[in-house]
Amino acid sequence: MTFPARLPLLAAAAAALVALALPAQARNVRLMESVPDTIRVTRTHDILGTLDLRFGSDSARGAPLVRRDVVVKGVGTTKLDDVGEDARVRPRDHELCARAFEDAMTQLAFAARGARGTAIVGVVSNYEGTVFDDPVHFECHVGALKAAVTLRAQIASGPLAPVDVPVVSPPAAAPDTAVQPPVISPPPATPDAPQPPAPTFQPLPPRPAPASN
């Protein structure tokens, strides 16, 4: 078979490869992920530190805001590390969403500390400008190689009014359960024992003088 005759076959093979690649690139699965479950499997508590986190727009009601409408986009990839190789087995969609959520939390924590805030409130999903407002779920979009979580939040500083929404507060410090060594007190002082009387010495009588012859 001559080279010109092979051109149609090569073109058909290339078209088939492109047709196979397009669905993978166009994959966009929309997931509603649980906020508490995702926090439990990520480093969110470590990332937030002393910052409070409240999802749902109602949680920002009456809060003393210091910065408004902070929008971040977290991305979770199939890479083991930021600059590492791809995982040998593609992580599940939920795992990619968890990585994207952690990335978004990191960006929000930086924004809050930069604004001297003490809480991240009113958090809603904001994928491509469309708001998904839920106090216990966030929206995640997963493609073939990565996931994206877009969040919009308000940064507050100062005491927050109690609201009927879940609050993700930093964990309380664990009590010091270390076993302390027993304290050994010195023995009580014994009363002074009576001292024996001082010995008395009687002088011996003088020896008699020797008799003279």
Protein backbone atom coordinates (compact mmCIF):
# COMPACT_ATOMS: atom_id res chain seq x y z
CA MET A 1 0.00 0.00 0.00
CA THR A 2 1.48 3.34 -1.03
CA PHE A 3 1.68 6.33 1.30
CA PRO A 4 -1.11 8.32 -0.47
CA ALA A 5 -3.38 5.31 -0.17
CA ARG A 6 -2.79 5.17 3.59
CA LEU A 7 -3.87 8.78 4.12
CA PRO A 8 -7.61 8.01 4.39
CA LEU A 9 -6.89 5.32 6.98
CA LEU A 10 -4.74 7.65 9.04
CA ALA A 11 -7.35 10.38 8.86
CA ALA A 12 -10.06 7.96 10.00
CA ALA A 13 -7.91 6.80 12.94
CA ALA A 14 -7.20 10.40 13.98
CA ALA A 15 -10.89 11.24 13.81
CA ALA A 16 -11.70 8.24 16.01
CA LEU A 17 -9.17 9.34 18.62
CA VAL A 18 -10.59 12.84 18.65
CA ALA A 19 -14.10 11.44 19.04
CA LEU A 20 -12.97 9.39 22.02
CA ALA A 21 -11.16 12.31 23.65
CA LEU A 22 -14.04 14.80 23.35
CA PRO A 23 -16.37 13.10 25.87
CA ALA A 24 -13.58 12.91 28.43
CA GLN A 25 -12.76 16.59 28.02
CA ALA A 26 -16.41 17.60 28.10
CA ARG A 27 -17.24 15.60 31.24
CA ASN A 28 -18.86 17.84 33.84
CA VAL A 29 -20.56 15.96 36.65
CA ARG A 30 -22.44 18.10 39.19
CA LEU A 31 -22.33 16.77 42.75
CA MET A 32 -23.85 18.02 45.97
CA GLU A 33 -21.30 17.19 48.68
CA SER A 34 -21.81 17.15 52.45
CA VAL A 35 -19.96 19.91 54.29
CA PRO A 36 -19.53 17.99 57.61
CA ASP A 37 -18.40 14.79 55.86
CA THR A 38 -15.91 16.64 53.68
CA ILE A 39 -14.49 18.53 56.64
CA ARG A 40 -14.04 15.22 58.43
CA VAL A 41 -11.84 13.75 55.65
CA THR A 42 -9.81 16.89 54.92
CA ARG A 43 -7.47 19.21 56.80
CA THR A 44 -10.11 21.93 57.07
CA HIS A 45 -9.85 22.25 60.87
CA ASP A 46 -6.07 22.70 60.63
CA ILE A 47 -6.48 25.23 57.81
CA LEU A 48 -9.08 27.32 59.64
CA GLY A 49 -7.35 27.30 63.01
CA THR A 50 -9.31 29.70 65.22
CA LEU A 51 -11.64 30.85 62.42
CA ASP A 52 -15.31 29.91 62.59
CA LEU A 53 -16.99 28.66 59.43
CA ARG A 54 -20.72 28.94 58.66
CA PHE A 55 -22.41 27.84 55.45
CA GLY A 56 -25.67 29.30 54.17
CA SER A 57 -26.46 32.93 53.46
CA ASP A 58 -28.56 33.22 56.63
CA SER A 59 -25.46 32.71 58.75
CA ALA A 60 -24.20 36.18 57.73
CA ARG A 61 -27.33 37.93 58.99
CA GLY A 62 -26.36 40.62 61.49
CA ALA A 63 -22.68 39.65 61.45
CA PRO A 64 -20.13 42.49 61.68
CA LEU A 65 -18.62 42.13 58.21
CA VAL A 66 -15.17 43.43 57.37
CA ARG A 67 -15.05 42.10 53.79
CA ARG A 68 -17.91 41.17 51.49
CA ASP A 69 -18.42 38.71 48.64
CA VAL A 70 -15.05 36.95 48.62
CA VAL A 71 -15.16 34.47 45.71
CA VAL A 72 -12.63 31.64 45.52
CA LYS A 73 -12.29 28.67 43.19
CA GLY A 74 -10.76 25.55 44.64
CA VAL A 75 -9.35 22.93 42.30
CA GLY A 76 -8.72 19.27 43.07
CA THR A 77 -6.55 17.34 40.62
CA THR A 78 -5.48 13.74 40.16
CA LYS A 79 -1.94 14.63 41.17
CA LEU A 80 -0.63 13.25 44.44
CA ASP A 81 0.99 16.59 45.28
CA ASP A 82 0.89 20.04 43.77
CA VAL A 83 3.88 19.20 41.57
CA GLY A 84 3.79 15.42 41.85
CA GLU A 85 2.89 12.73 39.38
CA ASP A 86 -0.63 11.61 38.64
CA ALA A 87 -2.04 8.97 40.95
CA ARG A 88 -1.77 5.47 39.49
CA VAL A 89 -5.48 4.98 40.07
CA ARG A 90 -7.75 7.93 39.37
CA PRO A 91 -9.29 9.16 42.62
CA ARG A 92 -13.05 8.93 42.94
CA ASP A 93 -15.13 11.99 42.17
CA HIS A 94 -15.83 12.51 45.88
CA GLU A 95 -12.09 12.52 46.63
CA LEU A 96 -11.43 15.10 43.92
CA CYS A 97 -14.24 17.25 45.35
CA ALA A 98 -12.68 16.97 48.81
CA ARG A 99 -9.35 18.18 47.42
CA ALA A 100 -11.08 21.09 45.68
CA PHE A 101 -12.97 21.97 48.87
CA GLU A 102 -9.73 21.98 50.87
CA ASP A 103 -8.13 24.29 48.30
CA ALA A 104 -11.10 26.67 48.53
CA MET A 105 -10.94 26.65 52.34
CA THR A 106 -7.24 27.53 52.19
CA GLN A 107 -7.98 30.57 50.03
CA LEU A 108 -10.83 31.70 52.29
CA ALA A 109 -8.66 31.34 55.38
CA PHE A 110 -5.97 33.54 53.79
CA ALA A 111 -8.60 36.14 52.87
CA ALA A 112 -10.06 36.13 56.39
CA ARG A 113 -6.70 36.53 58.09
CA GLY A 114 -5.71 39.24 55.63
CA ALA A 115 -8.85 41.17 56.59
CA ARG A 116 -8.28 40.52 60.31
CA GLY A 117 -11.48 38.52 60.42
CA THR A 118 -12.48 35.95 62.99
CA ALA A 119 -15.15 34.06 61.02
CA ILE A 120 -16.08 33.02 57.50
CA VAL A 121 -19.87 33.27 57.23
CA GLY A 122 -22.61 33.21 54.62
CA VAL A 123 -20.74 30.67 52.50
CA VAL A 124 -22.63 29.63 49.35
CA SER A 125 -21.65 27.78 46.20
CA ASN A 126 -21.21 30.11 43.23
CA TYR A 127 -20.29 27.98 40.22
CA GLU A 128 -20.10 30.24 37.15
CA GLY A 129 -22.16 32.85 38.99
CA THR A 130 -25.06 30.52 39.81
CA VAL A 131 -25.75 30.45 43.56
CA PHE A 132 -26.47 27.23 45.41
CA ASP A 133 -27.39 28.18 48.97
CA ASP A 134 -27.44 25.34 51.49
CA PRO A 135 -26.19 25.23 55.11
CA VAL A 136 -24.88 21.66 54.92
CA HIS A 137 -23.97 21.04 51.25
CA PHE A 138 -21.72 22.56 48.62
CA GLU A 139 -21.67 22.20 44.85
CA CYS A 140 -18.80 20.46 43.10
CA HIS A 141 -18.20 19.96 39.36
CA VAL A 142 -15.98 17.08 38.30
CA GLY A 143 -14.30 16.56 34.95
CA ALA A 144 -12.00 13.88 33.65
CA LEU A 145 -8.88 15.05 35.49
CA LYS A 146 -9.98 17.59 38.10
CA ALA A 147 -12.80 18.97 40.21
CA ALA A 148 -13.78 22.57 40.90
CA VAL A 149 -15.53 24.13 43.90
CA THR A 150 -16.43 27.81 43.68
CA LEU A 151 -17.51 29.49 46.93
CA ARG A 152 -18.63 32.99 47.84
CA ALA A 153 -18.24 34.06 51.46
CA GLN A 154 -18.42 37.02 53.83
CA ILE A 155 -15.64 37.78 56.32
CA ALA A 156 -16.76 38.82 59.79
CA SER A 157 -14.93 40.07 62.85
CA GLY A 158 -16.22 40.13 66.37
CA PRO A 159 -18.95 38.22 68.20
CA LEU A 160 -21.55 36.49 66.04
CA ALA A 161 -25.24 36.28 66.83
CA PRO A 162 -26.49 32.73 67.39
CA VAL A 163 -28.28 31.38 64.32
CA ASP A 164 -29.98 28.10 63.52
CA VAL A 165 -27.31 26.86 61.12
CA PRO A 166 -24.43 24.42 61.57
CA VAL A 167 -21.28 26.04 62.85
CA VAL A 168 -17.85 24.58 62.20
CA SER A 169 -15.83 25.87 65.10
CA PRO A 170 -12.24 24.96 65.90
CA PRO A 171 -12.04 21.85 68.05
CA ALA A 172 -11.81 22.47 71.77
CA ALA A 173 -8.46 21.86 73.35
CA ALA A 174 -8.24 18.40 74.81
CA PRO A 175 -7.86 18.30 78.57
CA ASP A 176 -4.45 17.50 79.92
CA THR A 177 -4.82 13.84 80.72
CA ALA A 178 -1.16 13.17 81.32
CA VAL A 179 -0.55 11.30 84.54
CA GLN A 180 1.17 13.54 86.99
CA PRO A 181 3.77 12.00 89.28
CA PRO A 182 2.59 11.63 92.85
CA VAL A 183 3.65 14.30 95.23
CA ILE A 184 5.56 12.87 98.19
CA SER A 185 5.32 15.08 101.21
CA PRO A 186 8.12 15.08 103.77
CA PRO A 187 7.41 13.05 106.90
CA PRO A 188 5.94 15.05 109.76
CA ALA A 189 8.43 16.33 112.25
CA THR A 190 8.69 14.18 115.38
CA PRO A 191 8.44 15.93 118.74
CA ASP A 192 11.71 16.54 120.48
CA ALA A 193 12.54 13.54 122.66
CA PRO A 194 13.59 14.36 126.24
CA GLN A 195 17.32 14.59 126.54
CA PRO A 196 19.06 12.43 129.14
CA PRO A 197 20.41 14.39 132.07
CA ALA A 198 23.96 15.51 131.87
CA PRO A 199 26.27 13.10 133.71
CA THR A 200 27.64 14.29 137.02
CA PHE A 201 31.17 13.43 138.11
CA GLN A 202 32.12 13.14 141.77
CA PRO A 203 35.78 13.90 142.56
CA LEU A 204 37.69 10.94 143.92
CA PRO A 205 38.99 11.29 147.49
CA PRO A 206 42.72 12.02 147.76
CA ARG A 207 44.97 9.05 148.19
CA PRO A 208 46.47 8.64 151.69
CA ALA A 209 50.05 9.68 152.02
CA PRO A 210 52.50 6.75 152.27
CA ALA A 211 53.57 5.90 155.83
CA SER A 212 57.06 6.98 156.81
CA ASN A 213 59.46 4.41 158.24
